Amino acid sequence: MTSPRSRALQLPTTGASTRRVFRRRHRPARWRQAAIAFLLGAAGTGLMLALLQLPDRFDTFLLLSTALANLIGGVQQALWGLVQLLAVVLLVLAAIAALGLVVAGIIRLVRALWPQPSRRN
């Protein structure tokens, strides 16, 4: 006797598959691939030529050292701000702890001074 669970489950088929998911993609035409390759090469060459002219127009080392100094200064300011924020958080935590200790002390004092109920045996 075969149980219904032993059969493999299959999805129903609806004849011709019209889904584009499993179809192979068509390759673009060769002339289009060649044109894209030439355009990419021309863009790369133009960018390299523009980068080669930068040292003539700017003092590259001065620009680089200024950028690094600004970056280091910015990181230093960010770290100093982080240290100050951490100090404020620690002060707030200390204030909350002090308030909690005062409240706990008052509660203990009230319990100590409150009359005890008489125990009947």
PDB file of N, CA and C in Angstrom:
ATOM      1  N   MET A   1       0.835  -1.174   0.000  1.00  0.00           N
ATOM      2  CA  MET A   1       0.000   0.000   0.000  1.00  0.00           C
ATOM      3  C   MET A   1       0.884   1.242   0.000  1.00  0.00           C
ATOM      4  N   THR A   2       0.662   2.103  -0.912  1.00  0.00           N
ATOM      5  CA  THR A   2       1.480   3.314  -1.033  1.00  0.00           C
ATOM      6  C   THR A   2       0.760   4.478  -0.375  1.00  0.00           C
ATOM      7  N   SER A   3       1.523   5.189   0.420  1.00  0.00           N
ATOM      8  CA  SER A   3       0.926   6.354   1.074  1.00  0.00           C
ATOM      9  C   SER A   3       0.981   7.550   0.124  1.00  0.00           C
ATOM     10  N   PRO A   4       0.084   8.491   0.285  1.00  0.00           N
ATOM     11  CA  PRO A   4       0.083   9.649  -0.619  1.00  0.00           C
ATOM     12  C   PRO A   4       1.337  10.514  -0.461  1.00  0.00           C
ATOM     13  N   ARG A   5       2.036  10.372   0.647  1.00  0.00           N
ATOM     14  CA  ARG A   5       3.229  11.200   0.844  1.00  0.00           C
ATOM     15  C   ARG A   5       4.441  10.654   0.104  1.00  0.00           C
ATOM     16  N   SER A   6       4.404   9.407  -0.299  1.00  0.00           N
ATOM     17  CA  SER A   6       5.575   8.823  -0.946  1.00  0.00           C
ATOM     18  C   SER A   6       5.716   9.295  -2.390  1.00  0.00           C
ATOM     19  N   ARG A   7       4.649   9.779  -2.998  1.00  0.00           N
ATOM     20  CA  ARG A   7       4.739  10.271  -4.368  1.00  0.00           C
ATOM     21  C   ARG A   7       5.451  11.615  -4.393  1.00  0.00           C
ATOM     22  N   ALA A   8       6.196  11.868  -5.427  1.00  0.00           N
ATOM     23  CA  ALA A   8       6.888  13.151  -5.565  1.00  0.00           C
ATOM     24  C   ALA A   8       5.878  14.220  -5.961  1.00  0.00           C
ATOM     25  N   LEU A   9       5.999  15.358  -5.344  1.00  0.00           N
ATOM     26  CA  LEU A   9       5.106  16.458  -5.674  1.00  0.00           C
ATOM     27  C   LEU A   9       5.604  17.171  -6.921  1.00  0.00           C
ATOM     28  N   GLN A  10       4.687  17.492  -7.817  1.00  0.00           N
ATOM     29  CA  GLN A  10       5.048  18.191  -9.039  1.00  0.00           C
ATOM     30  C   GLN A  10       4.083  19.340  -9.249  1.00  0.00           C
ATOM     31  N   LEU A  11       4.606  20.410  -9.822  1.00  0.00           N
ATOM     32  CA  LEU A  11       3.748  21.536 -10.153  1.00  0.00           C
ATOM     33  C   LEU A  11       2.973  21.218 -11.421  1.00  0.00           C
ATOM     34  N   PRO A  12       1.762  21.709 -11.530  1.00  0.00           N
ATOM     35  CA  PRO A  12       0.993  21.443 -12.750  1.00  0.00           C
ATOM     36  C   PRO A  12       1.609  22.186 -13.937  1.00  0.00           C
ATOM     37  N   THR A  13       1.589  21.557 -15.100  1.00  0.00           N
ATOM     38  CA  THR A  13       2.122  22.184 -16.306  1.00  0.00           C
ATOM     39  C   THR A  13       0.969  22.730 -17.120  1.00  0.00           C
ATOM     40  N   THR A  14       1.223  23.849 -17.782  1.00  0.00           N
ATOM     41  CA  THR A  14       0.157  24.496 -18.551  1.00  0.00           C
ATOM     42  C   THR A  14       0.500  24.523 -20.031  1.00  0.00           C
ATOM     43  N   GLY A  15       1.108  23.512 -20.539  1.00  0.00           N
ATOM     44  CA  GLY A  15       1.415  23.468 -21.965  1.00  0.00           C
ATOM     45  C   GLY A  15       2.734  24.161 -22.256  1.00  0.00           C
ATOM     46  N   ALA A  16       2.710  25.099 -23.193  1.00  0.00           N
ATOM     47  CA  ALA A  16       3.935  25.792 -23.612  1.00  0.00           C
ATOM     48  C   ALA A  16       4.380  26.766 -22.528  1.00  0.00           C
ATOM     49  N   SER A  17       5.664  26.773 -22.259  1.00  0.00           N
ATOM     50  CA  SER A  17       6.205  27.663 -21.235  1.00  0.00           C
ATOM     51  C   SER A  17       6.381  29.060 -21.820  1.00  0.00           C
ATOM     52  N   THR A  18       5.719  30.026 -21.221  1.00  0.00           N
ATOM     53  CA  THR A  18       5.816  31.405 -21.717  1.00  0.00           C
ATOM     54  C   THR A  18       6.664  32.267 -20.807  1.00  0.00           C
ATOM     55  N   ARG A  19       7.288  31.674 -19.828  1.00  0.00           N
ATOM     56  CA  ARG A  19       8.110  32.455 -18.904  1.00  0.00           C
ATOM     57  C   ARG A  19       9.431  32.799 -19.563  1.00  0.00           C
ATOM     58  N   ARG A  20       9.846  34.050 -19.389  1.00  0.00           N
ATOM     59  CA  ARG A  20      11.099  34.507 -19.977  1.00  0.00           C
ATOM     60  C   ARG A  20      12.276  34.264 -19.038  1.00  0.00           C
ATOM     61  N   VAL A  21      12.017  33.731 -17.851  1.00  0.00           N
ATOM     62  CA  VAL A  21      13.061  33.584 -16.852  1.00  0.00           C
ATOM     63  C   VAL A  21      14.116  32.579 -17.298  1.00  0.00           C
ATOM     64  N   PHE A  22      13.684  31.486 -17.886  1.00  0.00           N
ATOM     65  CA  PHE A  22      14.601  30.404 -18.194  1.00  0.00           C
ATOM     66  C   PHE A  22      15.093  30.434 -19.641  1.00  0.00           C
ATOM     67  N   ARG A  23      14.717  31.440 -20.392  1.00  0.00           N
ATOM     68  CA  ARG A  23      15.183  31.527 -21.771  1.00  0.00           C
ATOM     69  C   ARG A  23      16.598  32.079 -21.808  1.00  0.00           C
ATOM     70  N   ARG A  24      17.354  31.661 -22.797  1.00  0.00           N
ATOM     71  CA  ARG A  24      18.708  32.178 -22.957  1.00  0.00           C
ATOM     72  C   ARG A  24      18.632  33.592 -23.508  1.00  0.00           C
ATOM     73  N   ARG A  25      19.496  34.441 -22.984  1.00  0.00           N
ATOM     74  CA  ARG A  25      19.525  35.825 -23.465  1.00  0.00           C
ATOM     75  C   ARG A  25      20.214  35.877 -24.817  1.00  0.00           C
ATOM     76  N   HIS A  26      19.706  36.748 -25.654  1.00  0.00           N
ATOM     77  CA  HIS A  26      20.329  36.919 -26.959  1.00  0.00           C
ATOM     78  C   HIS A  26      21.528  37.835 -26.822  1.00  0.00           C
ATOM     79  N   ARG A  27      22.608  37.481 -27.485  1.00  0.00           N
ATOM     80  CA  ARG A  27      23.802  38.324 -27.460  1.00  0.00           C
ATOM     81  C   ARG A  27      23.574  39.520 -28.370  1.00  0.00           C
ATOM     82  N   PRO A  28      24.080  40.690 -27.972  1.00  0.00           N
ATOM     83  CA  PRO A  28      23.957  41.850 -28.856  1.00  0.00           C
ATOM     84  C   PRO A  28      24.759  41.630 -30.141  1.00  0.00           C
ATOM     85  N   ALA A  29      24.416  42.395 -31.144  1.00  0.00           N
ATOM     86  CA  ALA A  29      25.099  42.255 -32.430  1.00  0.00           C
ATOM     87  C   ALA A  29      26.580  42.602 -32.281  1.00  0.00           C
ATOM     88  N   ARG A  30      27.389  42.039 -33.196  1.00  0.00           N
ATOM     89  CA  ARG A  30      28.833  42.261 -33.101  1.00  0.00           C
ATOM     90  C   ARG A  30      29.190  43.727 -33.291  1.00  0.00           C
ATOM     91  N   TRP A  31      28.505  44.414 -34.193  1.00  0.00           N
ATOM     92  CA  TRP A  31      28.832  45.822 -34.422  1.00  0.00           C
ATOM     93  C   TRP A  31      28.538  46.642 -33.177  1.00  0.00           C
ATOM     94  N   ARG A  32      27.487  46.256 -32.450  1.00  0.00           N
ATOM     95  CA  ARG A  32      27.156  46.990 -31.225  1.00  0.00           C
ATOM     96  C   ARG A  32      28.204  46.725 -30.141  1.00  0.00           C
ATOM     97  N   GLN A  33      28.646  45.478 -30.010  1.00  0.00           N
ATOM     98  CA  GLN A  33      29.690  45.159 -29.040  1.00  0.00           C
ATOM     99  C   GLN A  33      30.984  45.901 -29.364  1.00  0.00           C
ATOM    100  N   ALA A  34      31.321  45.977 -30.665  1.00  0.00           N
ATOM    101  CA  ALA A  34      32.537  46.683 -31.068  1.00  0.00           C
ATOM    102  C   ALA A  34      32.410  48.179 -30.785  1.00  0.00           C
ATOM    103  N   ALA A  35      31.241  48.753 -31.046  1.00  0.00           N
ATOM    104  CA  ALA A  35      31.040  50.182 -30.791  1.00  0.00           C
ATOM    105  C   ALA A  35      31.148  50.487 -29.301  1.00  0.00           C
ATOM    106  N   ILE A  36      30.575  49.643 -28.463  1.00  0.00           N
ATOM    107  CA  ILE A  36      30.663  49.847 -27.009  1.00  0.00           C
ATOM    108  C   ILE A  36      32.106  49.725 -26.551  1.00  0.00           C
ATOM    109  N   ALA A  37      32.847  48.769 -27.123  1.00  0.00           N
ATOM    110  CA  ALA A  37      34.251  48.600 -26.754  1.00  0.00           C
ATOM    111  C   ALA A  37      35.060  49.835 -27.121  1.00  0.00           C
ATOM    112  N   PHE A  38      34.833  50.403 -28.335  1.00  0.00           N
ATOM    113  CA  PHE A  38      35.553  51.611 -28.728  1.00  0.00           C
ATOM    114  C   PHE A  38      35.183  52.807 -27.860  1.00  0.00           C
ATOM    115  N   LEU A  39      33.911  52.928 -27.502  1.00  0.00           N
ATOM    116  CA  LEU A  39      33.486  54.037 -26.638  1.00  0.00           C
ATOM    117  C   LEU A  39      34.115  53.931 -25.254  1.00  0.00           C
ATOM    118  N   LEU A  40      34.153  52.724 -24.696  1.00  0.00           N
ATOM    119  CA  LEU A  40      34.786  52.542 -23.389  1.00  0.00           C
ATOM    120  C   LEU A  40      36.277  52.855 -23.449  1.00  0.00           C
ATOM    121  N   GLY A  41      36.934  52.406 -24.505  1.00  0.00           N
ATOM    122  CA  GLY A  41      38.356  52.691 -24.665  1.00  0.00           C
ATOM    123  C   GLY A  41      38.623  54.181 -24.818  1.00  0.00           C
ATOM    124  N   ALA A  42      37.781  54.874 -25.593  1.00  0.00           N
ATOM    125  CA  ALA A  42      37.956  56.315 -25.779  1.00  0.00           C
ATOM    126  C   ALA A  42      37.723  57.065 -24.478  1.00  0.00           C
ATOM    127  N   ALA A  43      36.728  56.648 -23.701  1.00  0.00           N
ATOM    128  CA  ALA A  43      36.471  57.308 -22.414  1.00  0.00           C
ATOM    129  C   ALA A  43      37.637  57.100 -21.461  1.00  0.00           C
ATOM    130  N   GLY A  44      38.190  55.891 -21.416  1.00  0.00           N
ATOM    131  CA  GLY A  44      39.338  55.622 -20.550  1.00  0.00           C
ATOM    132  C   GLY A  44      40.561  56.415 -20.972  1.00  0.00           C
ATOM    133  N   THR A  45      40.807  56.500 -22.287  1.00  0.00           N
ATOM    134  CA  THR A  45      41.954  57.255 -22.784  1.00  0.00           C
ATOM    135  C   THR A  45      41.801  58.745 -22.483  1.00  0.00           C
ATOM    136  N   GLY A  46      40.611  59.282 -22.685  1.00  0.00           N
ATOM    137  CA  GLY A  46      40.374  60.696 -22.381  1.00  0.00           C
ATOM    138  C   GLY A  46      40.563  61.002 -20.911  1.00  0.00           C
ATOM    139  N   LEU A  47      40.099  60.115 -20.046  1.00  0.00           N
ATOM    140  CA  LEU A  47      40.271  60.325 -18.608  1.00  0.00           C
ATOM    141  C   LEU A  47      41.744  60.272 -18.222  1.00  0.00           C
ATOM    142  N   MET A  48      42.502  59.341 -18.821  1.00  0.00           N
ATOM    143  CA  MET A  48      43.939  59.278 -18.513  1.00  0.00           C
ATOM    144  C   MET A  48      44.660  60.528 -18.991  1.00  0.00           C
ATOM    145  N   LEU A  49      44.313  61.051 -20.166  1.00  0.00           N
ATOM    146  CA  LEU A  49      44.949  62.278 -20.656  1.00  0.00           C
ATOM    147  C   LEU A  49      44.619  63.462 -19.755  1.00  0.00           C
ATOM    148  N   ALA A  50      43.384  63.523 -19.268  1.00  0.00           N
ATOM    149  CA  ALA A  50      43.009  64.610 -18.352  1.00  0.00           C
ATOM    150  C   ALA A  50      43.781  64.499 -17.044  1.00  0.00           C
ATOM    151  N   LEU A  51      43.965  63.275 -16.550  1.00  0.00           N
ATOM    152  CA  LEU A  51      44.717  63.089 -15.310  1.00  0.00           C
ATOM    153  C   LEU A  51      46.201  63.399 -15.489  1.00  0.00           C
ATOM    154  N   LEU A  52      46.732  63.168 -16.681  1.00  0.00           N
ATOM    155  CA  LEU A  52      48.141  63.479 -16.931  1.00  0.00           C
ATOM    156  C   LEU A  52      48.399  64.985 -16.963  1.00  0.00           C
ATOM    157  N   GLN A  53      47.376  65.785 -17.266  1.00  0.00           N
ATOM    158  CA  GLN A  53      47.553  67.232 -17.314  1.00  0.00           C
ATOM    159  C   GLN A  53      47.383  67.886 -15.955  1.00  0.00           C
ATOM    160  N   LEU A  54      46.951  67.155 -14.958  1.00  0.00           N
ATOM    161  CA  LEU A  54      46.772  67.735 -13.623  1.00  0.00           C
ATOM    162  C   LEU A  54      48.061  68.281 -13.019  1.00  0.00           C
ATOM    163  N   PRO A  55      49.201  67.589 -13.083  1.00  0.00           N
ATOM    164  CA  PRO A  55      50.410  68.150 -12.460  1.00  0.00           C
ATOM    165  C   PRO A  55      50.834  69.486 -13.065  1.00  0.00           C
ATOM    166  N   ASP A  56      50.523  69.725 -14.330  1.00  0.00           N
ATOM    167  CA  ASP A  56      50.869  71.009 -14.934  1.00  0.00           C
ATOM    168  C   ASP A  56      49.999  72.136 -14.400  1.00  0.00           C
ATOM    169  N   ARG A  57      48.764  71.856 -14.076  1.00  0.00           N
ATOM    170  CA  ARG A  57      47.844  72.904 -13.650  1.00  0.00           C
ATOM    171  C   ARG A  57      47.849  73.130 -12.140  1.00  0.00           C
ATOM    172  N   PHE A  58      48.115  72.104 -11.360  1.00  0.00           N
ATOM    173  CA  PHE A  58      48.080  72.212  -9.901  1.00  0.00           C
ATOM    174  C   PHE A  58      49.392  71.713  -9.322  1.00  0.00           C
ATOM    175  N   ASP A  59      49.721  72.214  -8.151  1.00  0.00           N
ATOM    176  CA  ASP A  59      50.840  71.646  -7.408  1.00  0.00           C
ATOM    177  C   ASP A  59      50.283  70.428  -6.675  1.00  0.00           C
ATOM    178  N   THR A  60      50.517  69.261  -7.237  1.00  0.00           N
ATOM    179  CA  THR A  60      49.864  68.046  -6.765  1.00  0.00           C
ATOM    180  C   THR A  60      50.238  67.717  -5.328  1.00  0.00           C
ATOM    181  N   PHE A  61      51.516  67.878  -4.975  1.00  0.00           N
ATOM    182  CA  PHE A  61      51.932  67.534  -3.616  1.00  0.00           C
ATOM    183  C   PHE A  61      51.333  68.485  -2.590  1.00  0.00           C
ATOM    184  N   LEU A  62      51.222  69.767  -2.947  1.00  0.00           N
ATOM    185  CA  LEU A  62      50.588  70.721  -2.038  1.00  0.00           C
ATOM    186  C   LEU A  62      49.114  70.378  -1.855  1.00  0.00           C
ATOM    187  N   LEU A  63      48.462  70.035  -2.958  1.00  0.00           N
ATOM    188  CA  LEU A  63      47.052  69.650  -2.893  1.00  0.00           C
ATOM    189  C   LEU A  63      46.875  68.402  -2.035  1.00  0.00           C
ATOM    190  N   LEU A  64      47.750  67.422  -2.217  1.00  0.00           N
ATOM    191  CA  LEU A  64      47.659  66.178  -1.456  1.00  0.00           C
ATOM    192  C   LEU A  64      47.937  66.410   0.022  1.00  0.00           C
ATOM    193  N   SER A  65      48.964  67.196   0.331  1.00  0.00           N
ATOM    194  CA  SER A  65      49.288  67.430   1.740  1.00  0.00           C
ATOM    195  C   SER A  65      48.199  68.249   2.428  1.00  0.00           C
ATOM    196  N   THR A  66      47.607  69.210   1.718  1.00  0.00           N
ATOM    197  CA  THR A  66      46.500  69.985   2.295  1.00  0.00           C
ATOM    198  C   THR A  66      45.295  69.085   2.551  1.00  0.00           C
ATOM    199  N   ALA A  67      45.004  68.207   1.601  1.00  0.00           N
ATOM    200  CA  ALA A  67      43.870  67.296   1.775  1.00  0.00           C
ATOM    201  C   ALA A  67      44.103  66.363   2.955  1.00  0.00           C
ATOM    202  N   LEU A  68      45.319  65.846   3.089  1.00  0.00           N
ATOM    203  CA  LEU A  68      45.616  64.960   4.220  1.00  0.00           C
ATOM    204  C   LEU A  68      45.551  65.705   5.547  1.00  0.00           C
ATOM    205  N   ALA A  69      46.053  66.946   5.576  1.00  0.00           N
ATOM    206  CA  ALA A  69      45.990  67.728   6.814  1.00  0.00           C
ATOM    207  C   ALA A  69      44.545  68.003   7.203  1.00  0.00           C
ATOM    208  N   ASN A  70      43.705  68.332   6.220  1.00  0.00           N
ATOM    209  CA  ASN A  70      42.285  68.566   6.514  1.00  0.00           C
ATOM    210  C   ASN A  70      41.605  67.291   6.993  1.00  0.00           C
ATOM    211  N   LEU A  71      41.968  66.163   6.391  1.00  0.00           N
ATOM    212  CA  LEU A  71      41.390  64.884   6.804  1.00  0.00           C
ATOM    213  C   LEU A  71      41.788  64.533   8.226  1.00  0.00           C
ATOM    214  N   ILE A  72      43.071  64.708   8.551  1.00  0.00           N
ATOM    215  CA  ILE A  72      43.536  64.406   9.908  1.00  0.00           C
ATOM    216  C   ILE A  72      42.885  65.345  10.912  1.00  0.00           C
ATOM    217  N   GLY A  73      42.778  66.630  10.556  1.00  0.00           N
ATOM    218  CA  GLY A  73      42.106  67.582  11.454  1.00  0.00           C
ATOM    219  C   GLY A  73      40.644  67.233  11.668  1.00  0.00           C
ATOM    220  N   GLY A  74      39.976  66.811  10.602  1.00  0.00           N
ATOM    221  CA  GLY A  74      38.575  66.418  10.727  1.00  0.00           C
ATOM    222  C   GLY A  74      38.397  65.190  11.593  1.00  0.00           C
ATOM    223  N   VAL A  75      39.274  64.205  11.409  1.00  0.00           N
ATOM    224  CA  VAL A  75      39.205  62.994  12.236  1.00  0.00           C
ATOM    225  C   VAL A  75      39.489  63.340  13.691  1.00  0.00           C
ATOM    226  N   GLN A  76      40.461  64.237  13.914  1.00  0.00           N
ATOM    227  CA  GLN A  76      40.793  64.639  15.283  1.00  0.00           C
ATOM    228  C   GLN A  76      39.605  65.341  15.936  1.00  0.00           C
ATOM    229  N   GLN A  77      38.939  66.226  15.193  1.00  0.00           N
ATOM    230  CA  GLN A  77      37.762  66.908  15.750  1.00  0.00           C
ATOM    231  C   GLN A  77      36.632  65.921  16.015  1.00  0.00           C
ATOM    232  N   ALA A  78      36.453  64.960  15.119  1.00  0.00           N
ATOM    233  CA  ALA A  78      35.393  63.967  15.318  1.00  0.00           C
ATOM    234  C   ALA A  78      35.671  63.122  16.557  1.00  0.00           C
ATOM    235  N   LEU A  79      36.923  62.715  16.741  1.00  0.00           N
ATOM    236  CA  LEU A  79      37.261  61.920  17.924  1.00  0.00           C
ATOM    237  C   LEU A  79      37.115  62.738  19.199  1.00  0.00           C
ATOM    238  N   TRP A  80      37.505  64.020  19.168  1.00  0.00           N
ATOM    239  CA  TRP A  80      37.351  64.880  20.339  1.00  0.00           C
ATOM    240  C   TRP A  80      35.863  65.052  20.680  1.00  0.00           C
ATOM    241  N   GLY A  81      35.028  65.215  19.675  1.00  0.00           N
ATOM    242  CA  GLY A  81      33.587  65.293  19.906  1.00  0.00           C
ATOM    243  C   GLY A  81      33.037  64.008  20.487  1.00  0.00           C
ATOM    244  N   LEU A  82      33.551  62.873  20.027  1.00  0.00           N
ATOM    245  CA  LEU A  82      33.117  61.582  20.562  1.00  0.00           C
ATOM    246  C   LEU A  82      33.515  61.430  22.024  1.00  0.00           C
ATOM    247  N   VAL A  83      34.725  61.883  22.381  1.00  0.00           N
ATOM    248  CA  VAL A  83      35.169  61.823  23.779  1.00  0.00           C
ATOM    249  C   VAL A  83      34.293  62.716  24.649  1.00  0.00           C
ATOM    250  N   GLN A  84      33.953  63.909  24.153  1.00  0.00           N
ATOM    251  CA  GLN A  84      33.092  64.808  24.921  1.00  0.00           C
ATOM    252  C   GLN A  84      31.700  64.214  25.098  1.00  0.00           C
ATOM    253  N   LEU A  85      31.174  63.595  24.053  1.00  0.00           N
ATOM    254  CA  LEU A  85      29.858  62.957  24.157  1.00  0.00           C
ATOM    255  C   LEU A  85      29.891  61.807  25.157  1.00  0.00           C
ATOM    256  N   LEU A  86      30.967  61.034  25.159  1.00  0.00           N
ATOM    257  CA  LEU A  86      31.115  59.945  26.122  1.00  0.00           C
ATOM    258  C   LEU A  86      31.178  60.485  27.547  1.00  0.00           C
ATOM    259  N   ALA A  87      31.858  61.624  27.741  1.00  0.00           N
ATOM    260  CA  ALA A  87      31.925  62.232  29.072  1.00  0.00           C
ATOM    261  C   ALA A  87      30.541  62.677  29.533  1.00  0.00           C
ATOM    262  N   VAL A  88      29.752  63.252  28.631  1.00  0.00           N
ATOM    263  CA  VAL A  88      28.395  63.677  28.992  1.00  0.00           C
ATOM    264  C   VAL A  88      27.545  62.464  29.353  1.00  0.00           C
ATOM    265  N   VAL A  89      27.667  61.383  28.592  1.00  0.00           N
ATOM    266  CA  VAL A  89      26.901  60.166  28.890  1.00  0.00           C
ATOM    267  C   VAL A  89      27.292  59.611  30.254  1.00  0.00           C
ATOM    268  N   LEU A  90      28.593  59.613  30.566  1.00  0.00           N
ATOM    269  CA  LEU A  90      29.032  59.130  31.877  1.00  0.00           C
ATOM    270  C   LEU A  90      28.502  60.011  33.004  1.00  0.00           C
ATOM    271  N   LEU A  91      28.477  61.334  32.799  1.00  0.00           N
ATOM    272  CA  LEU A  91      27.918  62.225  33.821  1.00  0.00           C
ATOM    273  C   LEU A  91      26.428  61.973  34.030  1.00  0.00           C
ATOM    274  N   VAL A  92      25.699  61.763  32.946  1.00  0.00           N
ATOM    275  CA  VAL A  92      24.264  61.480  33.068  1.00  0.00           C
ATOM    276  C   VAL A  92      24.054  60.158  33.803  1.00  0.00           C
ATOM    277  N   LEU A  93      24.856  59.137  33.475  1.00  0.00           N
ATOM    278  CA  LEU A  93      24.737  57.858  34.177  1.00  0.00           C
ATOM    279  C   LEU A  93      25.068  57.995  35.658  1.00  0.00           C
ATOM    280  N   ALA A  94      26.085  58.803  35.985  1.00  0.00           N
ATOM    281  CA  ALA A  94      26.427  59.026  37.394  1.00  0.00           C
ATOM    282  C   ALA A  94      25.296  59.748  38.114  1.00  0.00           C
ATOM    283  N   ALA A  95      24.659  60.723  37.450  1.00  0.00           N
ATOM    284  CA  ALA A  95      23.540  61.437  38.070  1.00  0.00           C
ATOM    285  C   ALA A  95      22.359  60.501  38.300  1.00  0.00           C
ATOM    286  N   ILE A  96      22.077  59.630  37.330  1.00  0.00           N
ATOM    287  CA  ILE A  96      20.976  58.671  37.495  1.00  0.00           C
ATOM    288  C   ILE A  96      21.293  57.692  38.618  1.00  0.00           C
ATOM    289  N   ALA A  97      22.548  57.233  38.700  1.00  0.00           N
ATOM    290  CA  ALA A  97      22.939  56.321  39.786  1.00  0.00           C
ATOM    291  C   ALA A  97      22.810  57.002  41.139  1.00  0.00           C
ATOM    292  N   ALA A  98      23.217  58.279  41.237  1.00  0.00           N
ATOM    293  CA  ALA A  98      23.095  59.010  42.502  1.00  0.00           C
ATOM    294  C   ALA A  98      21.635  59.157  42.898  1.00  0.00           C
ATOM    295  N   LEU A  99      20.787  59.477  41.927  1.00  0.00           N
ATOM    296  CA  LEU A  99      19.357  59.607  42.215  1.00  0.00           C
ATOM    297  C   LEU A  99      18.780  58.275  42.676  1.00  0.00           C
ATOM    298  N   GLY A 100      19.179  57.185  42.017  1.00  0.00           N
ATOM    299  CA  GLY A 100      18.710  55.863  42.436  1.00  0.00           C
ATOM    300  C   GLY A 100      19.159  55.511  43.838  1.00  0.00           C
ATOM    301  N   LEU A 101      20.410  55.850  44.187  1.00  0.00           N
ATOM    302  CA  LEU A 101      20.901  55.580  45.540  1.00  0.00           C
ATOM    303  C   LEU A 101      20.139  56.390  46.579  1.00  0.00           C
ATOM    304  N   VAL A 102      19.843  57.660  46.278  1.00  0.00           N
ATOM    305  CA  VAL A 102      19.087  58.491  47.225  1.00  0.00           C
ATOM    306  C   VAL A 102      17.688  57.920  47.421  1.00  0.00           C
ATOM    307  N   VAL A 103      17.031  57.538  46.339  1.00  0.00           N
ATOM    308  CA  VAL A 103      15.676  56.976  46.447  1.00  0.00           C
ATOM    309  C   VAL A 103      15.709  55.667  47.229  1.00  0.00           C
ATOM    310  N   ALA A 104      16.699  54.806  46.960  1.00  0.00           N
ATOM    311  CA  ALA A 104      16.807  53.546  47.698  1.00  0.00           C
ATOM    312  C   ALA A 104      17.066  53.799  49.177  1.00  0.00           C
ATOM    313  N   GLY A 105      17.898  54.797  49.497  1.00  0.00           N
ATOM    314  CA  GLY A 105      18.155  55.144  50.898  1.00  0.00           C
ATOM    315  C   GLY A 105      16.910  55.649  51.593  1.00  0.00           C
ATOM    316  N   ILE A 106      16.134  56.486  50.916  1.00  0.00           N
ATOM    317  CA  ILE A 106      14.890  57.005  51.516  1.00  0.00           C
ATOM    318  C   ILE A 106      13.911  55.866  51.757  1.00  0.00           C
ATOM    319  N   ILE A 107      13.790  54.950  50.804  1.00  0.00           N
ATOM    320  CA  ILE A 107      12.870  53.819  50.971  1.00  0.00           C
ATOM    321  C   ILE A 107      13.301  52.956  52.154  1.00  0.00           C
ATOM    322  N   ARG A 108      14.590  52.683  52.289  1.00  0.00           N
ATOM    323  CA  ARG A 108      15.076  51.884  53.426  1.00  0.00           C
ATOM    324  C   ARG A 108      14.837  52.607  54.742  1.00  0.00           C
ATOM    325  N   LEU A 109      15.044  53.925  54.766  1.00  0.00           N
ATOM    326  CA  LEU A 109      14.828  54.694  55.990  1.00  0.00           C
ATOM    327  C   LEU A 109      13.357  54.671  56.388  1.00  0.00           C
ATOM    328  N   VAL A 110      12.465  54.831  55.416  1.00  0.00           N
ATOM    329  CA  VAL A 110      11.029  54.787  55.709  1.00  0.00           C
ATOM    330  C   VAL A 110      10.648  53.408  56.220  1.00  0.00           C
ATOM    331  N   ARG A 111      11.179  52.344  55.634  1.00  0.00           N
ATOM    332  CA  ARG A 111      10.879  50.991  56.099  1.00  0.00           C
ATOM    333  C   ARG A 111      11.423  50.750  57.502  1.00  0.00           C
ATOM    334  N   ALA A 112      12.581  51.335  57.798  1.00  0.00           N
ATOM    335  CA  ALA A 112      13.167  51.134  59.132  1.00  0.00           C
ATOM    336  C   ALA A 112      12.364  51.871  60.193  1.00  0.00           C
ATOM    337  N   LEU A 113      11.834  53.048  59.863  1.00  0.00           N
ATOM    338  CA  LEU A 113      11.090  53.837  60.838  1.00  0.00           C
ATOM    339  C   LEU A 113       9.612  53.473  60.895  1.00  0.00           C
ATOM    340  N   TRP A 114       9.126  52.764  59.930  1.00  0.00           N
ATOM    341  CA  TRP A 114       7.712  52.381  59.896  1.00  0.00           C
ATOM    342  C   TRP A 114       7.464  51.349  60.983  1.00  0.00           C
ATOM    343  N   PRO A 115       6.363  51.474  61.720  1.00  0.00           N
ATOM    344  CA  PRO A 115       6.114  50.496  62.795  1.00  0.00           C
ATOM    345  C   PRO A 115       5.876  49.098  62.227  1.00  0.00           C
ATOM    346  N   GLN A 116       6.479  48.112  62.879  1.00  0.00           N
ATOM    347  CA  GLN A 116       6.343  46.729  62.451  1.00  0.00           C
ATOM    348  C   GLN A 116       4.981  46.200  62.882  1.00  0.00           C
ATOM    349  N   PRO A 117       4.328  45.426  62.044  1.00  0.00           N
ATOM    350  CA  PRO A 117       3.059  44.825  62.456  1.00  0.00           C
ATOM    351  C   PRO A 117       3.314  43.769  63.528  1.00  0.00           C
ATOM    352  N   SER A 118       2.406  43.696  64.450  1.00  0.00           N
ATOM    353  CA  SER A 118       2.581  42.720  65.533  1.00  0.00           C
ATOM    354  C   SER A 118       2.339  41.313  65.002  1.00  0.00           C
ATOM    355  N   ARG A 119       3.195  40.407  65.435  1.00  0.00           N
ATOM    356  CA  ARG A 119       3.070  39.018  64.985  1.00  0.00           C
ATOM    357  C   ARG A 119       2.258  38.236  66.008  1.00  0.00           C
ATOM    358  N   ARG A 120       1.237  37.613  65.570  1.00  0.00           N
ATOM    359  CA  ARG A 120       0.415  36.779  66.455  1.00  0.00           C
ATOM    360  C   ARG A 120       0.711  35.324  66.162  1.00  0.00           C
ATOM    361  N   ASN A 121       1.034  34.609  67.177  1.00  0.00           N
ATOM    362  CA  ASN A 121       1.317  33.182  67.019  1.00  0.00           C
ATOM    363  C   ASN A 121       0.154  32.343  67.396  1.00  0.00           C
TER     364      ASN A 121
END
